[in-house]
Amino acid sequence: MADEAIRRQLEVINPLGLHARPAALVVKLANQFQSDIELIRGEQRVDAKSVLHLMTLAAEQGTNLVLEARGQDAMLAADAIEQLFRQGLGDLEAPAVGP
């Protein structure tokens, strides 16, 4: 099971895309896991534990990526990174809470 890849479809939804600060958030999160984690855009496959590698994706808003994780904690890693993308990589304002 550890060799089986966990894959997730991700979309960059934040307006500024996967720039340096969100890339650093992805790397910080990915490095909490032992699994090998990659992001894929077309034919390009990069290590999600490297800011420089992530920056080469040039992923703007609306870009679709594939997350691929392999290892003992791959499912946990994929869930956490998918959630970070769904939250706009820290670039979306929290919704206002009304009375």
PDB file of N, CA and C in Angstrom:
ATOM      1  N   MET A   1       0.818  -1.192   0.000  1.00  0.00           N
ATOM      2  CA  MET A   1       0.000   0.000   0.000  1.00  0.00           C
ATOM      3  C   MET A   1       0.862   1.257   0.000  1.00  0.00           C
ATOM      4  N   ALA A   2       2.029   1.208   0.628  1.00  0.00           N
ATOM      5  CA  ALA A   2       2.888   2.381   0.694  1.00  0.00           C
ATOM      6  C   ALA A   2       3.396   2.789  -0.689  1.00  0.00           C
ATOM      7  N   ASP A   3       3.446   1.847  -1.640  1.00  0.00           N
ATOM      8  CA  ASP A   3       3.922   2.163  -2.979  1.00  0.00           C
ATOM      9  C   ASP A   3       2.800   2.671  -3.885  1.00  0.00           C
ATOM     10  N   GLU A   4       1.574   2.524  -3.458  1.00  0.00           N
ATOM     11  CA  GLU A   4       0.440   2.957  -4.258  1.00  0.00           C
ATOM     12  C   GLU A   4       0.298   4.470  -4.174  1.00  0.00           C
ATOM     13  N   ALA A   5       0.149   5.116  -5.325  1.00  0.00           N
ATOM     14  CA  ALA A   5       0.053   6.575  -5.363  1.00  0.00           C
ATOM     15  C   ALA A   5      -1.361   7.033  -5.022  1.00  0.00           C
ATOM     16  N   ILE A   6      -1.425   8.064  -4.207  1.00  0.00           N
ATOM     17  CA  ILE A   6      -2.680   8.745  -3.928  1.00  0.00           C
ATOM     18  C   ILE A   6      -2.684   9.978  -4.823  1.00  0.00           C
ATOM     19  N   ARG A   7      -3.729  10.146  -5.619  1.00  0.00           N
ATOM     20  CA  ARG A   7      -3.802  11.289  -6.542  1.00  0.00           C
ATOM     21  C   ARG A   7      -5.018  12.136  -6.225  1.00  0.00           C
ATOM     22  N   ARG A   8      -4.826  13.438  -6.372  1.00  0.00           N
ATOM     23  CA  ARG A   8      -5.917  14.400  -6.181  1.00  0.00           C
ATOM     24  C   ARG A   8      -5.835  15.465  -7.273  1.00  0.00           C
ATOM     25  N   GLN A   9      -6.990  15.870  -7.762  1.00  0.00           N
ATOM     26  CA  GLN A   9      -7.068  16.986  -8.695  1.00  0.00           C
ATOM     27  C   GLN A   9      -7.173  18.260  -7.873  1.00  0.00           C
ATOM     28  N   LEU A  10      -6.321  19.237  -8.157  1.00  0.00           N
ATOM     29  CA  LEU A  10      -6.325  20.492  -7.432  1.00  0.00           C
ATOM     30  C   LEU A  10      -6.490  21.636  -8.421  1.00  0.00           C
ATOM     31  N   GLU A  11      -7.094  22.723  -7.940  1.00  0.00           N
ATOM     32  CA  GLU A  11      -7.185  23.942  -8.748  1.00  0.00           C
ATOM     33  C   GLU A  11      -6.657  25.095  -7.925  1.00  0.00           C
ATOM     34  N   VAL A  12      -5.841  25.920  -8.558  1.00  0.00           N
ATOM     35  CA  VAL A  12      -5.338  27.127  -7.910  1.00  0.00           C
ATOM     36  C   VAL A  12      -6.462  28.160  -7.989  1.00  0.00           C
ATOM     37  N   ILE A  13      -7.065  28.496  -6.844  1.00  0.00           N
ATOM     38  CA  ILE A  13      -8.211  29.403  -6.847  1.00  0.00           C
ATOM     39  C   ILE A  13      -7.881  30.809  -6.360  1.00  0.00           C
ATOM     40  N   ASN A  14      -6.728  30.974  -5.737  1.00  0.00           N
ATOM     41  CA  ASN A  14      -6.407  32.306  -5.233  1.00  0.00           C
ATOM     42  C   ASN A  14      -5.995  33.221  -6.387  1.00  0.00           C
ATOM     43  N   PRO A  15      -6.338  34.506  -6.308  1.00  0.00           N
ATOM     44  CA  PRO A  15      -6.118  35.433  -7.420  1.00  0.00           C
ATOM     45  C   PRO A  15      -4.667  35.570  -7.886  1.00  0.00           C
ATOM     46  N   LEU A  16      -3.705  35.441  -6.994  1.00  0.00           N
ATOM     47  CA  LEU A  16      -2.305  35.646  -7.363  1.00  0.00           C
ATOM     48  C   LEU A  16      -1.594  34.362  -7.752  1.00  0.00           C
ATOM     49  N   GLY A  17      -2.287  33.243  -7.698  1.00  0.00           N
ATOM     50  CA  GLY A  17      -1.684  31.978  -8.096  1.00  0.00           C
ATOM     51  C   GLY A  17      -0.704  31.444  -7.067  1.00  0.00           C
ATOM     52  N   LEU A  18       0.091  30.500  -7.505  1.00  0.00           N
ATOM     53  CA  LEU A  18       1.049  29.825  -6.624  1.00  0.00           C
ATOM     54  C   LEU A  18       2.359  30.613  -6.617  1.00  0.00           C
ATOM     55  N   HIS A  19       2.310  31.815  -6.016  1.00  0.00           N
ATOM     56  CA  HIS A  19       3.512  32.646  -5.913  1.00  0.00           C
ATOM     57  C   HIS A  19       4.321  32.216  -4.690  1.00  0.00           C
ATOM     58  N   ALA A  20       5.347  32.974  -4.354  1.00  0.00           N
ATOM     59  CA  ALA A  20       6.321  32.545  -3.349  1.00  0.00           C
ATOM     60  C   ALA A  20       5.723  32.217  -1.978  1.00  0.00           C
ATOM     61  N   ARG A  21       4.856  33.068  -1.452  1.00  0.00           N
ATOM     62  CA  ARG A  21       4.325  32.828  -0.102  1.00  0.00           C
ATOM     63  C   ARG A  21       3.446  31.583  -0.045  1.00  0.00           C
ATOM     64  N   PRO A  22       2.483  31.416  -0.967  1.00  0.00           N
ATOM     65  CA  PRO A  22       1.700  30.171  -0.934  1.00  0.00           C
ATOM     66  C   PRO A  22       2.554  28.933  -1.218  1.00  0.00           C
ATOM     67  N   ALA A  23       3.541  29.075  -2.079  1.00  0.00           N
ATOM     68  CA  ALA A  23       4.431  27.932  -2.350  1.00  0.00           C
ATOM     69  C   ALA A  23       5.152  27.531  -1.070  1.00  0.00           C
ATOM     70  N   ALA A  24       5.564  28.523  -0.282  1.00  0.00           N
ATOM     71  CA  ALA A  24       6.233  28.232   0.987  1.00  0.00           C
ATOM     72  C   ALA A  24       5.288  27.517   1.953  1.00  0.00           C
ATOM     73  N   LEU A  25       3.997  27.877   1.929  1.00  0.00           N
ATOM     74  CA  LEU A  25       3.012  27.192   2.775  1.00  0.00           C
ATOM     75  C   LEU A  25       2.862  25.730   2.362  1.00  0.00           C
ATOM     76  N   VAL A  26       2.829  25.487   1.057  1.00  0.00           N
ATOM     77  CA  VAL A  26       2.715  24.114   0.548  1.00  0.00           C
ATOM     78  C   VAL A  26       3.940  23.310   0.984  1.00  0.00           C
ATOM     79  N   VAL A  27       5.123  23.892   0.831  1.00  0.00           N
ATOM     80  CA  VAL A  27       6.365  23.210   1.197  1.00  0.00           C
ATOM     81  C   VAL A  27       6.397  22.915   2.691  1.00  0.00           C
ATOM     82  N   LYS A  28       6.026  23.892   3.497  1.00  0.00           N
ATOM     83  CA  LYS A  28       6.023  23.697   4.957  1.00  0.00           C
ATOM     84  C   LYS A  28       5.092  22.544   5.336  1.00  0.00           C
ATOM     85  N   LEU A  29       3.917  22.504   4.724  1.00  0.00           N
ATOM     86  CA  LEU A  29       2.959  21.443   5.002  1.00  0.00           C
ATOM     87  C   LEU A  29       3.470  20.097   4.483  1.00  0.00           C
ATOM     88  N   ALA A  30       3.955  20.072   3.255  1.00  0.00           N
ATOM     89  CA  ALA A  30       4.440  18.820   2.651  1.00  0.00           C
ATOM     90  C   ALA A  30       5.583  18.212   3.455  1.00  0.00           C
ATOM     91  N   ASN A  31       6.421  19.064   4.017  1.00  0.00           N
ATOM     92  CA  ASN A  31       7.566  18.572   4.784  1.00  0.00           C
ATOM     93  C   ASN A  31       7.191  17.990   6.137  1.00  0.00           C
ATOM     94  N   GLN A  32       5.936  18.093   6.521  1.00  0.00           N
ATOM     95  CA  GLN A  32       5.466  17.472   7.754  1.00  0.00           C
ATOM     96  C   GLN A  32       5.179  15.983   7.561  1.00  0.00           C
ATOM     97  N   PHE A  33       5.257  15.534   6.318  1.00  0.00           N
ATOM     98  CA  PHE A  33       4.937  14.149   5.983  1.00  0.00           C
ATOM     99  C   PHE A  33       6.174  13.438   5.447  1.00  0.00           C
ATOM    100  N   GLN A  34       6.227  12.130   5.672  1.00  0.00           N
ATOM    101  CA  GLN A  34       7.347  11.330   5.190  1.00  0.00           C
ATOM    102  C   GLN A  34       7.191  10.952   3.725  1.00  0.00           C
ATOM    103  N   SER A  35       5.986  10.947   3.227  1.00  0.00           N
ATOM    104  CA  SER A  35       5.717  10.525   1.849  1.00  0.00           C
ATOM    105  C   SER A  35       6.398  11.420   0.827  1.00  0.00           C
ATOM    106  N   ASP A  36       6.645  10.854  -0.341  1.00  0.00           N
ATOM    107  CA  ASP A  36       7.084  11.636  -1.492  1.00  0.00           C
ATOM    108  C   ASP A  36       5.846  12.307  -2.050  1.00  0.00           C
ATOM    109  N   ILE A  37       5.917  13.616  -2.260  1.00  0.00           N
ATOM    110  CA  ILE A  37       4.759  14.377  -2.712  1.00  0.00           C
ATOM    111  C   ILE A  37       5.174  15.207  -3.915  1.00  0.00           C
ATOM    112  N   GLU A  38       4.423  15.064  -4.989  1.00  0.00           N
ATOM    113  CA  GLU A  38       4.715  15.817  -6.212  1.00  0.00           C
ATOM    114  C   GLU A  38       3.457  16.522  -6.698  1.00  0.00           C
ATOM    115  N   LEU A  39       3.677  17.648  -7.375  1.00  0.00           N
ATOM    116  CA  LEU A  39       2.597  18.333  -8.076  1.00  0.00           C
ATOM    117  C   LEU A  39       2.909  18.241  -9.560  1.00  0.00           C
ATOM    118  N   ILE A  40       1.875  18.011 -10.347  1.00  0.00           N
ATOM    119  CA  ILE A  40       2.041  17.768 -11.773  1.00  0.00           C
ATOM    120  C   ILE A  40       1.181  18.757 -12.547  1.00  0.00           C
ATOM    121  N   ARG A  41       1.805  19.395 -13.540  1.00  0.00           N
ATOM    122  CA  ARG A  41       1.086  20.270 -14.467  1.00  0.00           C
ATOM    123  C   ARG A  41       1.484  19.836 -15.868  1.00  0.00           C
ATOM    124  N   GLY A  42       0.544  19.217 -16.558  1.00  0.00           N
ATOM    125  CA  GLY A  42       0.852  18.684 -17.884  1.00  0.00           C
ATOM    126  C   GLY A  42       1.931  17.626 -17.790  1.00  0.00           C
ATOM    127  N   GLU A  43       3.038  17.845 -18.490  1.00  0.00           N
ATOM    128  CA  GLU A  43       4.156  16.907 -18.483  1.00  0.00           C
ATOM    129  C   GLU A  43       5.177  17.239 -17.389  1.00  0.00           C
ATOM    130  N   GLN A  44       4.972  18.366 -16.703  1.00  0.00           N
ATOM    131  CA  GLN A  44       5.923  18.809 -15.677  1.00  0.00           C
ATOM    132  C   GLN A  44       5.546  18.237 -14.317  1.00  0.00           C
ATOM    133  N   ARG A  45       6.514  17.611 -13.672  1.00  0.00           N
ATOM    134  CA  ARG A  45       6.330  16.975 -12.365  1.00  0.00           C
ATOM    135  C   ARG A  45       7.393  17.544 -11.432  1.00  0.00           C
ATOM    136  N   VAL A  46       6.949  18.120 -10.286  1.00  0.00           N
ATOM    137  CA  VAL A  46       7.905  18.749  -9.372  1.00  0.00           C
ATOM    138  C   VAL A  46       7.702  18.261  -7.940  1.00  0.00           C
ATOM    139  N   ASP A  47       8.755  18.375  -7.166  1.00  0.00           N
ATOM    140  CA  ASP A  47       8.753  17.999  -5.757  1.00  0.00           C
ATOM    141  C   ASP A  47       8.017  19.075  -4.956  1.00  0.00           C
ATOM    142  N   ALA A  48       6.957  18.687  -4.251  1.00  0.00           N
ATOM    143  CA  ALA A  48       6.163  19.634  -3.464  1.00  0.00           C
ATOM    144  C   ALA A  48       6.880  20.058  -2.187  1.00  0.00           C
ATOM    145  N   LYS A  49       8.062  19.528  -1.936  1.00  0.00           N
ATOM    146  CA  LYS A  49       8.832  19.898  -0.750  1.00  0.00           C
ATOM    147  C   LYS A  49       9.925  20.909  -1.084  1.00  0.00           C
ATOM    148  N   SER A  50       9.849  21.514  -2.275  1.00  0.00           N
ATOM    149  CA  SER A  50      10.839  22.492  -2.721  1.00  0.00           C
ATOM    150  C   SER A  50      10.140  23.730  -3.285  1.00  0.00           C
ATOM    151  N   VAL A  51      10.384  24.884  -2.676  1.00  0.00           N
ATOM    152  CA  VAL A  51       9.794  26.138  -3.165  1.00  0.00           C
ATOM    153  C   VAL A  51      10.241  26.407  -4.596  1.00  0.00           C
ATOM    154  N   LEU A  52      11.512  26.231  -4.871  1.00  0.00           N
ATOM    155  CA  LEU A  52      12.010  26.499  -6.224  1.00  0.00           C
ATOM    156  C   LEU A  52      11.318  25.618  -7.259  1.00  0.00           C
ATOM    157  N   HIS A  53      11.130  24.365  -6.930  1.00  0.00           N
ATOM    158  CA  HIS A  53      10.451  23.463  -7.862  1.00  0.00           C
ATOM    159  C   HIS A  53       9.006  23.912  -8.090  1.00  0.00           C
ATOM    160  N   LEU A  54       8.301  24.262  -7.006  1.00  0.00           N
ATOM    161  CA  LEU A  54       6.916  24.699  -7.146  1.00  0.00           C
ATOM    162  C   LEU A  54       6.811  25.962  -7.988  1.00  0.00           C
ATOM    163  N   MET A  55       7.746  26.875  -7.832  1.00  0.00           N
ATOM    164  CA  MET A  55       7.709  28.129  -8.584  1.00  0.00           C
ATOM    165  C   MET A  55       7.849  27.884 -10.091  1.00  0.00           C
ATOM    166  N   THR A  56       8.523  26.807 -10.489  1.00  0.00           N
ATOM    167  CA  THR A  56       8.688  26.528 -11.918  1.00  0.00           C
ATOM    168  C   THR A  56       7.375  26.137 -12.582  1.00  0.00           C
ATOM    169  N   LEU A  57       6.358  25.805 -11.788  1.00  0.00           N
ATOM    170  CA  LEU A  57       5.054  25.457 -12.362  1.00  0.00           C
ATOM    171  C   LEU A  57       4.349  26.675 -12.958  1.00  0.00           C
ATOM    172  N   ALA A  58       4.704  27.872 -12.492  1.00  0.00           N
ATOM    173  CA  ALA A  58       4.063  29.110 -12.948  1.00  0.00           C
ATOM    174  C   ALA A  58       2.540  28.947 -12.934  1.00  0.00           C
ATOM    175  N   ALA A  59       2.017  28.463 -11.826  1.00  0.00           N
ATOM    176  CA  ALA A  59       0.593  28.139 -11.711  1.00  0.00           C
ATOM    177  C   ALA A  59      -0.211  29.380 -11.320  1.00  0.00           C
ATOM    178  N   GLU A  60      -0.912  29.927 -12.286  1.00  0.00           N
ATOM    179  CA  GLU A  60      -1.762  31.094 -12.068  1.00  0.00           C
ATOM    180  C   GLU A  60      -3.145  30.642 -11.616  1.00  0.00           C
ATOM    181  N   GLN A  61      -3.969  31.614 -11.248  1.00  0.00           N
ATOM    182  CA  GLN A  61      -5.351  31.304 -10.867  1.00  0.00           C
ATOM    183  C   GLN A  61      -6.024  30.527 -11.997  1.00  0.00           C
ATOM    184  N   GLY A  62      -6.725  29.475 -11.624  1.00  0.00           N
ATOM    185  CA  GLY A  62      -7.419  28.640 -12.603  1.00  0.00           C
ATOM    186  C   GLY A  62      -6.604  27.463 -13.105  1.00  0.00           C
ATOM    187  N   THR A  63      -5.340  27.405 -12.744  1.00  0.00           N
ATOM    188  CA  THR A  63      -4.482  26.289 -13.162  1.00  0.00           C
ATOM    189  C   THR A  63      -4.915  25.006 -12.455  1.00  0.00           C
ATOM    190  N   ASN A  64      -5.027  23.933 -13.220  1.00  0.00           N
ATOM    191  CA  ASN A  64      -5.328  22.625 -12.652  1.00  0.00           C
ATOM    192  C   ASN A  64      -4.044  21.841 -12.492  1.00  0.00           C
ATOM    193  N   LEU A  65      -3.877  21.265 -11.318  1.00  0.00           N
ATOM    194  CA  LEU A  65      -2.699  20.474 -10.985  1.00  0.00           C
ATOM    195  C   LEU A  65      -3.149  19.105 -10.491  1.00  0.00           C
ATOM    196  N   VAL A  66      -2.242  18.160 -10.552  1.00  0.00           N
ATOM    197  CA  VAL A  66      -2.474  16.849  -9.955  1.00  0.00           C
ATOM    198  C   VAL A  66      -1.474  16.686  -8.825  1.00  0.00           C
ATOM    199  N   LEU A  67      -1.973  16.328  -7.668  1.00  0.00           N
ATOM    200  CA  LEU A  67      -1.123  16.004  -6.524  1.00  0.00           C
ATOM    201  C   LEU A  67      -0.930  14.506  -6.527  1.00  0.00           C
ATOM    202  N   GLU A  68       0.300  14.063  -6.351  1.00  0.00           N
ATOM    203  CA  GLU A  68       0.579  12.641  -6.251  1.00  0.00           C
ATOM    204  C   GLU A  68       1.450  12.410  -5.026  1.00  0.00           C
ATOM    205  N   ALA A  69       0.992  11.562  -4.130  1.00  0.00           N
ATOM    206  CA  ALA A  69       1.733  11.252  -2.899  1.00  0.00           C
ATOM    207  C   ALA A  69       1.929   9.746  -2.803  1.00  0.00           C
ATOM    208  N   ARG A  70       3.142   9.359  -2.392  1.00  0.00           N
ATOM    209  CA  ARG A  70       3.472   7.944  -2.199  1.00  0.00           C
ATOM    210  C   ARG A  70       4.183   7.786  -0.870  1.00  0.00           C
ATOM    211  N   GLY A  71       3.701   6.848  -0.071  1.00  0.00           N
ATOM    212  CA  GLY A  71       4.342   6.573   1.199  1.00  0.00           C
ATOM    213  C   GLY A  71       3.326   6.217   2.262  1.00  0.00           C
ATOM    214  N   GLN A  72       3.823   5.969   3.475  1.00  0.00           N
ATOM    215  CA  GLN A  72       2.962   5.507   4.562  1.00  0.00           C
ATOM    216  C   GLN A  72       1.885   6.516   4.942  1.00  0.00           C
ATOM    217  N   ASP A  73       2.203   7.803   4.861  1.00  0.00           N
ATOM    218  CA  ASP A  73       1.225   8.819   5.253  1.00  0.00           C
ATOM    219  C   ASP A  73       0.692   9.600   4.047  1.00  0.00           C
ATOM    220  N   ALA A  74       0.699   8.958   2.890  1.00  0.00           N
ATOM    221  CA  ALA A  74       0.290   9.627   1.647  1.00  0.00           C
ATOM    222  C   ALA A  74      -1.143  10.148   1.694  1.00  0.00           C
ATOM    223  N   MET A  75      -2.060   9.371   2.257  1.00  0.00           N
ATOM    224  CA  MET A  75      -3.452   9.804   2.324  1.00  0.00           C
ATOM    225  C   MET A  75      -3.588  11.047   3.191  1.00  0.00           C
ATOM    226  N   LEU A  76      -2.928  11.061   4.333  1.00  0.00           N
ATOM    227  CA  LEU A  76      -2.967  12.238   5.213  1.00  0.00           C
ATOM    228  C   LEU A  76      -2.358  13.447   4.526  1.00  0.00           C
ATOM    229  N   ALA A  77      -1.246  13.252   3.832  1.00  0.00           N
ATOM    230  CA  ALA A  77      -0.583  14.343   3.120  1.00  0.00           C
ATOM    231  C   ALA A  77      -1.483  14.902   2.026  1.00  0.00           C
ATOM    232  N   ALA A  78      -2.081  14.012   1.250  1.00  0.00           N
ATOM    233  CA  ALA A  78      -2.961  14.451   0.164  1.00  0.00           C
ATOM    234  C   ALA A  78      -4.165  15.219   0.709  1.00  0.00           C
ATOM    235  N   ASP A  79      -4.754  14.727   1.787  1.00  0.00           N
ATOM    236  CA  ASP A  79      -5.895  15.417   2.400  1.00  0.00           C
ATOM    237  C   ASP A  79      -5.514  16.815   2.855  1.00  0.00           C
ATOM    238  N   ALA A  80      -4.367  16.940   3.520  1.00  0.00           N
ATOM    239  CA  ALA A  80      -3.942  18.232   4.068  1.00  0.00           C
ATOM    240  C   ALA A  80      -3.630  19.233   2.959  1.00  0.00           C
ATOM    241  N   ILE A  81      -2.931  18.798   1.937  1.00  0.00           N
ATOM    242  CA  ILE A  81      -2.565  19.708   0.850  1.00  0.00           C
ATOM    243  C   ILE A  81      -3.784  20.086   0.030  1.00  0.00           C
ATOM    244  N   GLU A  82      -4.681  19.139  -0.186  1.00  0.00           N
ATOM    245  CA  GLU A  82      -5.918  19.448  -0.898  1.00  0.00           C
ATOM    246  C   GLU A  82      -6.713  20.518  -0.137  1.00  0.00           C
ATOM    247  N   GLN A  83      -6.778  20.386   1.163  1.00  0.00           N
ATOM    248  CA  GLN A  83      -7.491  21.368   1.985  1.00  0.00           C
ATOM    249  C   GLN A  83      -6.840  22.748   1.871  1.00  0.00           C
ATOM    250  N   LEU A  84      -5.524  22.808   1.868  1.00  0.00           N
ATOM    251  CA  LEU A  84      -4.824  24.084   1.724  1.00  0.00           C
ATOM    252  C   LEU A  84      -5.178  24.750   0.395  1.00  0.00           C
ATOM    253  N   PHE A  85      -5.225  23.975  -0.682  1.00  0.00           N
ATOM    254  CA  PHE A  85      -5.608  24.524  -1.983  1.00  0.00           C
ATOM    255  C   PHE A  85      -7.061  24.997  -1.969  1.00  0.00           C
ATOM    256  N   ARG A  86      -7.952  24.224  -1.361  1.00  0.00           N
ATOM    257  CA  ARG A  86      -9.369  24.610  -1.294  1.00  0.00           C
ATOM    258  C   ARG A  86      -9.572  25.903  -0.504  1.00  0.00           C
ATOM    259  N   GLN A  87      -8.658  26.175   0.425  1.00  0.00           N
ATOM    260  CA  GLN A  87      -8.733  27.395   1.226  1.00  0.00           C
ATOM    261  C   GLN A  87      -8.024  28.565   0.548  1.00  0.00           C
ATOM    262  N   GLY A  88      -7.606  28.383  -0.692  1.00  0.00           N
ATOM    263  CA  GLY A  88      -6.982  29.472  -1.438  1.00  0.00           C
ATOM    264  C   GLY A  88      -5.530  29.728  -1.086  1.00  0.00           C
ATOM    265  N   LEU A  89      -4.855  28.729  -0.561  1.00  0.00           N
ATOM    266  CA  LEU A  89      -3.428  28.825  -0.250  1.00  0.00           C
ATOM    267  C   LEU A  89      -3.109  30.000   0.665  1.00  0.00           C
ATOM    268  N   GLY A  90      -4.057  30.334   1.526  1.00  0.00           N
ATOM    269  CA  GLY A  90      -3.848  31.411   2.498  1.00  0.00           C
ATOM    270  C   GLY A  90      -4.034  32.799   1.920  1.00  0.00           C
ATOM    271  N   ASP A  91      -4.450  32.898   0.646  1.00  0.00           N
ATOM    272  CA  ASP A  91      -4.599  34.209   0.000  1.00  0.00           C
ATOM    273  C   ASP A  91      -6.027  34.721  -0.035  1.00  0.00           C
ATOM    274  N   LEU A  92      -6.989  33.930   0.357  1.00  0.00           N
ATOM    275  CA  LEU A  92      -8.382  34.378   0.322  1.00  0.00           C
ATOM    276  C   LEU A  92      -8.777  34.901   1.684  1.00  0.00           C
ATOM    277  N   GLU A  93      -9.490  36.005   1.681  1.00  0.00           N
ATOM    278  CA  GLU A  93      -9.957  36.556   2.961  1.00  0.00           C
ATOM    279  C   GLU A  93     -11.015  35.655   3.570  1.00  0.00           C
ATOM    280  N   ALA A  94     -11.000  35.584   4.879  1.00  0.00           N
ATOM    281  CA  ALA A  94     -12.021  34.813   5.588  1.00  0.00           C
ATOM    282  C   ALA A  94     -13.363  35.501   5.389  1.00  0.00           C
ATOM    283  N   PRO A  95     -14.434  34.754   5.220  1.00  0.00           N
ATOM    284  CA  PRO A  95     -15.755  35.357   5.062  1.00  0.00           C
ATOM    285  C   PRO A  95     -16.153  36.135   6.311  1.00  0.00           C
ATOM    286  N   ALA A  96     -16.842  37.232   6.093  1.00  0.00           N
ATOM    287  CA  ALA A  96     -17.307  38.047   7.213  1.00  0.00           C
ATOM    288  C   ALA A  96     -18.375  37.285   7.978  1.00  0.00           C
ATOM    289  N   VAL A  97     -18.326  37.410   9.296  1.00  0.00           N
ATOM    290  CA  VAL A  97     -19.304  36.754  10.151  1.00  0.00           C
ATOM    291  C   VAL A  97     -20.289  37.817  10.608  1.00  0.00           C
ATOM    292  N   GLY A  98     -21.548  37.617  10.251  1.00  0.00           N
ATOM    293  CA  GLY A  98     -22.581  38.598  10.616  1.00  0.00           C
ATOM    294  C   GLY A  98     -23.175  38.323  11.983  1.00  0.00           C
ATOM    295  N   PRO A  99     -23.932  39.306  12.493  1.00  0.00           N
ATOM    296  CA  PRO A  99     -24.563  39.134  13.816  1.00  0.00           C
ATOM    297  C   PRO A  99     -25.643  38.081  13.822  1.00  0.00           C
TER     298      PRO A  99
END
